[in-house]
Every structure is written in C-alpha cells, then in structure tokens.
Amino acid sequence: MGNHDLRKLTDFDREQVFAYIQEEPEMNLFIFGDVERFGLEGDKVEVFVKDGPDGWDFLLLRYLESYLLYSRRDGYDAACAADFLTRRAVNIVSGKSILLEKLLPFFPDRTGQKTYMARLNGMQSMFPAPDDFSLRRLKPDDAAELVRLYLQIEEFQSTYAGREKKAAEELKINLSTGGRCWGAFQNGRLVAAASSSAENSRSAMIIGVATLPDLRRRGLAGSLVSKLCGELFSEGKQFVCLFYDNPLAGRIYRKIGFRELGEYMMIKGKREKQSLAK
C-alpha cells in the first residue's frame, strides 16, 4: 500500500473496532451503533483504517454517503484522510472537534460546524406535550413528510435542499433499521420532530430535533426529546447522547438531565448535495 492507502476492514475486525473506540464511547456512538447494526461487509457501512507502527493511526467509517473519523492521536495523518475523502462521494464528515479541526484546512470550500456533545444517564424530568398538540411515533412511510418539515427550518435546509428524494430514502432506512422518530402534530400536520440514530445494545444518539419557527417556545422540543429518551431508557439503554449549538436548546436539554462532554464537529459544504470528491 502507498502512504495514503487505507485498509478496508471485514467482520473479522469487528471486536478490534470496538476496542479501538471504547475509551470515548460518546464521541464514537455512531461508529459503535453502525457497526453493531450493519456489520462491516454490507452495502451501507464500510470501515477503513490507516495502519501505523503502533497500531491504527485513524479510522474512517462510511454510512451511506456520510463519514465518521476517529483517532486516538490528536496528531493523526489528516493529509492521508483528506486524500482518501477527496476521491469519494461524501455528504458530511463528522467527529470529535479536535480531530476535524486538522482535516478542515484541506477543504477550503467547506465549513465546519462545531456543536456541544451531551450525555444523559437517566431521566430526570418528563415534559408533556401542550394540549393542542398530539405526539406519535413516525413510521418509515412518514420519511417524506419529515423531509418537508426540515425544509421549512433554516438550520436544516442546507442538509436537505436539492437532495429531497435521497434524504427521504436515508431517513426511511434509519426508521426501518432500528432508528425511531417521534413527531408532534397540530391539526394533522407534522410541526416538530426528534429522532434517534445509531441505536445499539447500550446507547443511542438523538438527532434531527426540529420545530417550525412560529411554534417554538411552546415546549415541543422538550416533550419530544423526553418522550424519546424515556422510551429508550425503558428498553434498557445505559445512556443517550445528542449534540447542539443553540444555547436555548442547551437549556432545554439540561432540564431533561443532559450534561456537556466536549465539542463535536461536522464538515459541511455550501450545499449538502455537493460531494467532497474533486
């Protein structure tokens, strides 16, 4: 292999992946969940590593068109990782902030969104839905309606605009393979949502918490996240994580019981439908 060649793992390497990421289970929740759910030899998930003299230098996991990067070394070979990514179709790259900060300069047309990673070890408070709203768990067939909700919210538009069909397919896969989403409805219309992803035997990640702008500050986000987390803990999950960059959202999550652990980053483009591939 050349300097910038990575080695593709197989299911034989599964336990070695878990051992490599075990020191930071929250930051690596997506990796753990994706490998446990899909294995290493299917069409949805692949894992690549760069070998070094003292073990793996870094790991890259592909889930559909999104990538997750992890290394135990802050000084990992970011140039090698960047070279690999520029030769593949990539929607988003995610990972621990200190690691992605070293990758971002290789993609000057991309932006890095920093967020706070937070962990919940058990329910402290439940927030019921306001009287004029009803909550229900969404089904895979609701994926297109969920995309329509996100398209109405500025924070999500760059992720979904221009790739609505593919995004709906990705959400449908998540809802069909262990992920879940709770929605708030007003007069039959989906107006807020909160989803889980990377669900595994011990944990899950909360993602996609969204409320239509004119219905915010009504308690919908708190009621959906607490409903979702309560369901996850009732099924035996040890902890639940989420990330956020909105101070108001942070206050809501702290009331539920979430506590910040560190910074997480997503490398995005001007439009998410673009590829990192040149």
Protein backbone atom coordinates (compact mmCIF):
# COMPACT_ATOMS: atom_id res chain seq x y z
CA MET A 1 0.00 0.00 0.00
CA GLY A 2 1.10 3.57 -0.65
CA ASN A 3 1.39 6.24 2.01
CA HIS A 4 -2.21 7.34 1.53
CA ASP A 5 -3.78 3.91 1.09
CA LEU A 6 -6.23 2.72 3.72
CA ARG A 7 -7.13 -0.85 4.56
CA LYS A 8 -10.77 -1.93 4.42
CA LEU A 9 -11.87 -3.94 7.44
CA THR A 10 -14.06 -7.03 7.48
CA ASP A 11 -16.37 -8.57 10.05
CA PHE A 12 -13.32 -10.38 11.39
CA ASP A 13 -12.13 -6.96 12.68
CA ARG A 14 -15.37 -6.07 14.48
CA GLU A 15 -14.12 -6.56 18.06
CA GLN A 16 -10.92 -4.68 17.26
CA VAL A 17 -13.03 -1.70 16.13
CA PHE A 18 -14.97 -1.77 19.40
CA ALA A 19 -11.73 -1.97 21.39
CA TYR A 20 -10.24 0.97 19.47
CA ILE A 21 -13.18 3.31 20.17
CA GLN A 22 -14.07 2.18 23.70
CA GLU A 23 -12.21 4.96 25.53
CA GLU A 24 -14.62 7.60 24.17
CA PRO A 25 -18.00 5.87 23.84
CA GLU A 26 -19.99 9.10 23.49
CA MET A 27 -17.90 10.59 20.69
CA ASN A 28 -17.94 7.22 18.93
CA LEU A 29 -21.57 6.31 19.48
CA PHE A 30 -22.34 6.47 15.76
CA ILE A 31 -19.44 4.14 14.96
CA PHE A 32 -20.44 1.61 17.61
CA GLY A 33 -24.09 1.69 16.56
CA ASP A 34 -23.44 1.43 12.83
CA VAL A 35 -21.01 -1.48 13.17
CA GLU A 36 -23.28 -3.34 15.60
CA ARG A 37 -26.36 -2.84 13.39
CA PHE A 38 -24.90 -3.32 9.92
CA GLY A 39 -21.58 -5.14 10.30
CA LEU A 40 -18.56 -4.36 8.16
CA GLU A 41 -19.32 -6.17 4.92
CA GLY A 42 -22.70 -4.78 3.83
CA ASP A 43 -23.56 -2.03 1.36
CA LYS A 44 -24.45 0.62 3.96
CA VAL A 45 -21.36 0.59 6.19
CA GLU A 46 -17.65 0.29 5.48
CA VAL A 47 -14.71 0.92 7.81
CA PHE A 48 -11.22 1.87 6.68
CA VAL A 49 -8.08 2.28 8.78
CA LYS A 50 -4.58 3.58 8.27
CA ASP A 51 -2.10 1.20 9.83
CA GLY A 52 0.84 2.60 11.75
CA PRO A 53 3.87 1.22 13.57
CA ASP A 54 1.98 1.27 16.89
CA GLY A 55 -1.47 0.26 15.69
CA TRP A 56 -4.12 2.18 13.78
CA ASP A 57 -3.38 5.84 13.08
CA PHE A 58 -7.04 6.64 12.39
CA LEU A 59 -10.35 5.08 11.41
CA LEU A 60 -12.93 6.25 8.86
CA LEU A 61 -16.44 4.78 8.81
CA ARG A 62 -18.76 5.26 5.85
CA TYR A 63 -22.51 5.15 6.44
CA LEU A 64 -24.24 5.68 3.07
CA GLU A 65 -22.62 8.99 1.97
CA SER A 66 -21.63 10.24 5.42
CA TYR A 67 -18.26 9.62 7.05
CA LEU A 68 -17.12 9.44 10.68
CA LEU A 69 -13.49 9.94 11.63
CA TYR A 70 -11.79 8.86 14.84
CA SER A 71 -8.23 8.60 16.09
CA ARG A 72 -6.69 8.11 19.49
CA ARG A 73 -3.98 10.53 18.37
CA ASP A 74 -4.62 14.27 18.01
CA GLY A 75 -1.68 14.33 15.57
CA TYR A 76 -3.06 11.70 13.20
CA ASP A 77 -2.28 11.90 9.47
CA ALA A 78 -5.01 14.33 8.42
CA ALA A 79 -3.47 14.71 4.94
CA CYS A 80 -3.95 10.99 4.35
CA ALA A 81 -7.57 11.13 5.50
CA ALA A 82 -8.23 14.16 3.28
CA ASP A 83 -6.65 12.47 0.26
CA PHE A 84 -8.91 9.45 0.78
CA LEU A 85 -12.05 11.57 1.12
CA THR A 86 -11.39 13.70 -1.95
CA ARG A 87 -11.58 10.53 -4.04
CA ARG A 88 -15.01 9.51 -2.75
CA ALA A 89 -18.55 10.90 -2.78
CA VAL A 90 -19.08 12.39 0.68
CA ASN A 91 -22.01 14.32 2.09
CA ILE A 92 -20.81 15.12 5.63
CA VAL A 93 -17.76 14.24 7.72
CA SER A 94 -18.31 14.11 11.49
CA GLY A 95 -16.22 13.50 14.56
CA LYS A 96 -14.50 14.87 17.62
CA SER A 97 -13.83 18.57 17.09
CA ILE A 98 -10.10 18.48 17.85
CA LEU A 99 -9.65 15.86 15.12
CA LEU A 100 -11.76 17.50 12.43
CA GLU A 101 -10.11 20.88 13.00
CA LYS A 102 -6.98 19.33 11.47
CA LEU A 103 -8.95 17.98 8.50
CA LEU A 104 -10.91 21.14 7.67
CA PRO A 105 -8.00 23.15 6.11
CA PHE A 106 -7.77 20.56 3.33
CA PHE A 107 -11.31 21.58 2.21
CA PRO A 108 -11.33 25.40 1.94
CA ASP A 109 -14.73 25.41 0.23
CA ARG A 110 -16.27 23.61 3.19
CA THR A 111 -17.48 24.85 6.56
CA GLY A 112 -17.03 23.27 9.96
CA GLN A 113 -19.98 23.38 12.32
CA LYS A 114 -19.00 22.98 15.96
CA THR A 115 -21.52 21.65 18.43
CA TYR A 116 -21.59 20.50 22.04
CA MET A 117 -21.85 16.79 22.74
CA ALA A 118 -24.01 15.98 25.78
CA ARG A 119 -24.87 12.74 27.62
CA LEU A 120 -27.93 11.64 29.58
CA ASN A 121 -27.60 8.76 32.05
CA GLY A 122 -31.24 8.59 33.11
CA MET A 123 -34.46 10.57 33.06
CA GLN A 124 -34.74 13.48 35.47
CA SER A 125 -37.80 15.21 34.01
CA MET A 126 -40.56 14.42 31.54
CA PHE A 127 -42.28 17.21 29.62
CA PRO A 128 -45.83 16.53 28.43
CA ALA A 129 -46.96 17.91 25.09
CA PRO A 130 -49.07 21.10 25.04
CA ASP A 131 -52.81 20.45 24.97
CA ASP A 132 -53.34 21.41 21.32
CA PHE A 133 -50.68 19.00 20.00
CA SER A 134 -50.55 15.23 19.71
CA LEU A 135 -47.43 13.06 19.69
CA ARG A 136 -46.91 9.83 17.81
CA ARG A 137 -44.03 7.68 16.67
CA LEU A 138 -43.36 8.06 12.95
CA LYS A 139 -43.26 5.15 10.54
CA PRO A 140 -40.89 4.63 7.60
CA ASP A 141 -43.62 5.87 5.25
CA ASP A 142 -43.55 9.23 7.07
CA ALA A 143 -39.99 9.93 5.85
CA ALA A 144 -41.05 12.25 3.01
CA GLU A 145 -43.21 14.33 5.39
CA LEU A 146 -40.27 14.57 7.78
CA VAL A 147 -38.09 15.93 4.97
CA ARG A 148 -40.77 18.52 4.19
CA LEU A 149 -40.66 19.64 7.83
CA TYR A 150 -36.87 20.03 7.73
CA LEU A 151 -37.05 22.05 4.51
CA GLN A 152 -39.12 24.67 6.35
CA ILE A 153 -36.45 25.15 9.02
CA GLU A 154 -33.38 27.23 8.20
CA GLU A 155 -30.95 25.14 10.26
CA PHE A 156 -31.77 22.03 8.20
CA GLN A 157 -32.21 23.48 4.73
CA SER A 158 -28.58 23.08 3.66
CA THR A 159 -28.74 19.39 4.56
CA TYR A 160 -31.96 18.61 2.68
CA ALA A 161 -32.48 21.18 -0.09
CA GLY A 162 -31.73 19.74 -3.51
CA ARG A 163 -31.50 16.15 -2.29
CA GLU A 164 -35.03 15.61 -1.01
CA LYS A 165 -35.54 12.19 -2.57
CA LYS A 166 -32.21 10.80 -1.38
CA ALA A 167 -32.72 12.30 2.09
CA ALA A 168 -36.15 10.68 2.36
CA GLU A 169 -34.60 7.33 1.37
CA GLU A 170 -31.91 7.73 4.07
CA LEU A 171 -34.49 8.60 6.72
CA LYS A 172 -36.64 5.66 5.66
CA ILE A 173 -33.63 3.34 6.06
CA ASN A 174 -32.98 4.73 9.53
CA LEU A 175 -36.62 4.27 10.56
CA SER A 176 -36.63 0.75 9.13
CA THR A 177 -33.41 -0.45 10.79
CA GLY A 178 -33.77 0.44 14.46
CA GLY A 179 -33.89 4.22 14.37
CA ARG A 180 -37.02 5.96 15.55
CA CYS A 181 -38.63 9.37 15.37
CA TRP A 182 -41.37 10.98 17.42
CA GLY A 183 -43.40 13.77 15.84
CA ALA A 184 -45.71 16.48 17.15
CA PHE A 185 -48.83 17.12 15.11
CA GLN A 186 -51.22 20.06 15.04
CA ASN A 187 -54.44 19.55 13.08
CA GLY A 188 -52.87 16.56 11.35
CA ARG A 189 -49.73 18.44 10.26
CA LEU A 190 -46.23 17.46 11.37
CA VAL A 191 -44.79 20.53 13.09
CA ALA A 192 -41.90 19.18 15.20
CA ALA A 193 -39.79 16.06 15.43
CA ALA A 194 -36.96 14.35 17.29
CA SER A 195 -35.21 11.21 16.07
CA SER A 196 -32.78 8.59 17.27
CA SER A 197 -29.92 7.13 15.29
CA ALA A 198 -27.11 4.62 15.78
CA GLU A 199 -29.24 2.71 18.28
CA ASN A 200 -27.33 -0.21 19.73
CA SER A 201 -27.41 -2.55 22.70
CA ARG A 202 -26.32 0.10 25.19
CA SER A 203 -26.91 3.59 23.80
CA ALA A 204 -28.45 5.83 21.14
CA MET A 205 -27.96 9.27 19.61
CA ILE A 206 -30.73 11.88 19.45
CA ILE A 207 -30.68 13.79 16.16
CA GLY A 208 -32.88 15.99 14.00
CA VAL A 209 -34.64 17.90 16.79
CA ALA A 210 -36.72 20.44 14.88
CA THR A 211 -39.72 22.71 15.42
CA LEU A 212 -41.38 25.06 12.96
CA PRO A 213 -40.23 28.63 13.78
CA ASP A 214 -43.69 30.00 14.57
CA LEU A 215 -44.33 27.22 17.09
CA ARG A 216 -41.13 27.43 19.11
CA ARG A 217 -41.09 28.17 22.84
CA ARG A 218 -44.20 26.04 23.24
CA GLY A 219 -42.40 23.10 24.84
CA LEU A 220 -42.49 20.80 21.81
CA ALA A 221 -38.75 20.06 21.67
CA GLY A 222 -38.63 19.21 25.36
CA SER A 223 -41.69 16.97 25.16
CA LEU A 224 -40.40 15.08 22.11
CA VAL A 225 -36.84 14.58 23.39
CA SER A 226 -38.02 13.49 26.84
CA LYS A 227 -40.57 11.12 25.26
CA LEU A 228 -37.91 9.62 23.02
CA CYS A 229 -35.33 9.29 25.80
CA GLY A 230 -37.85 7.80 28.20
CA GLU A 231 -38.69 5.15 25.62
CA LEU A 232 -35.00 4.37 25.06
CA PHE A 233 -34.25 4.01 28.77
CA SER A 234 -37.34 1.85 29.27
CA GLU A 235 -35.81 -0.57 26.76
CA GLY A 236 -32.57 -0.86 28.72
CA LYS A 237 -30.27 1.75 27.17
CA GLN A 238 -27.43 2.78 29.52
CA PHE A 239 -27.03 6.30 28.13
CA VAL A 240 -28.26 8.63 25.39
CA CYS A 241 -26.30 11.39 23.66
CA LEU A 242 -27.05 14.41 21.48
CA PHE A 243 -25.22 17.42 20.14
CA TYR A 244 -26.39 21.02 19.81
CA ASP A 245 -25.14 24.52 19.06
CA ASN A 246 -28.17 26.54 20.14
CA PRO A 247 -27.98 27.99 23.71
CA LEU A 248 -31.78 27.81 24.07
CA ALA A 249 -31.70 24.15 23.11
CA GLY A 250 -28.91 23.62 25.63
CA ARG A 251 -31.10 24.96 28.43
CA ILE A 252 -33.92 22.60 27.42
CA TYR A 253 -31.61 19.59 27.34
CA ARG A 254 -30.04 20.42 30.70
CA LYS A 255 -33.54 20.49 32.25
CA ILE A 256 -34.06 16.95 30.95
CA GLY A 257 -30.72 15.95 32.52
CA PHE A 258 -28.15 16.13 29.70
CA ARG A 259 -24.62 17.22 30.63
CA GLU A 260 -21.98 18.52 28.17
CA LEU A 261 -18.89 16.37 27.49
CA GLY A 262 -16.96 18.21 24.79
CA GLU A 263 -17.08 19.58 21.27
CA TYR A 264 -18.18 17.67 18.18
CA MET A 265 -17.84 18.89 14.59
CA MET A 266 -19.45 18.32 11.19
CA ILE A 267 -17.67 19.37 8.00
CA LYS A 268 -20.29 20.51 5.54
CA GLY A 269 -20.31 22.21 2.16
CA LYS A 270 -22.13 25.25 0.84
CA ARG A 271 -24.79 22.83 -0.35
CA GLU A 272 -25.01 19.34 1.09
CA LYS A 273 -25.76 17.78 -2.28
CA GLN A 274 -22.21 18.62 -3.36
CA SER A 275 -19.53 16.00 -2.96
CA LEU A 276 -16.10 16.29 -1.42
CA ALA A 277 -14.84 14.39 -4.45
CA LYS A 278 -12.99 16.59 -6.93
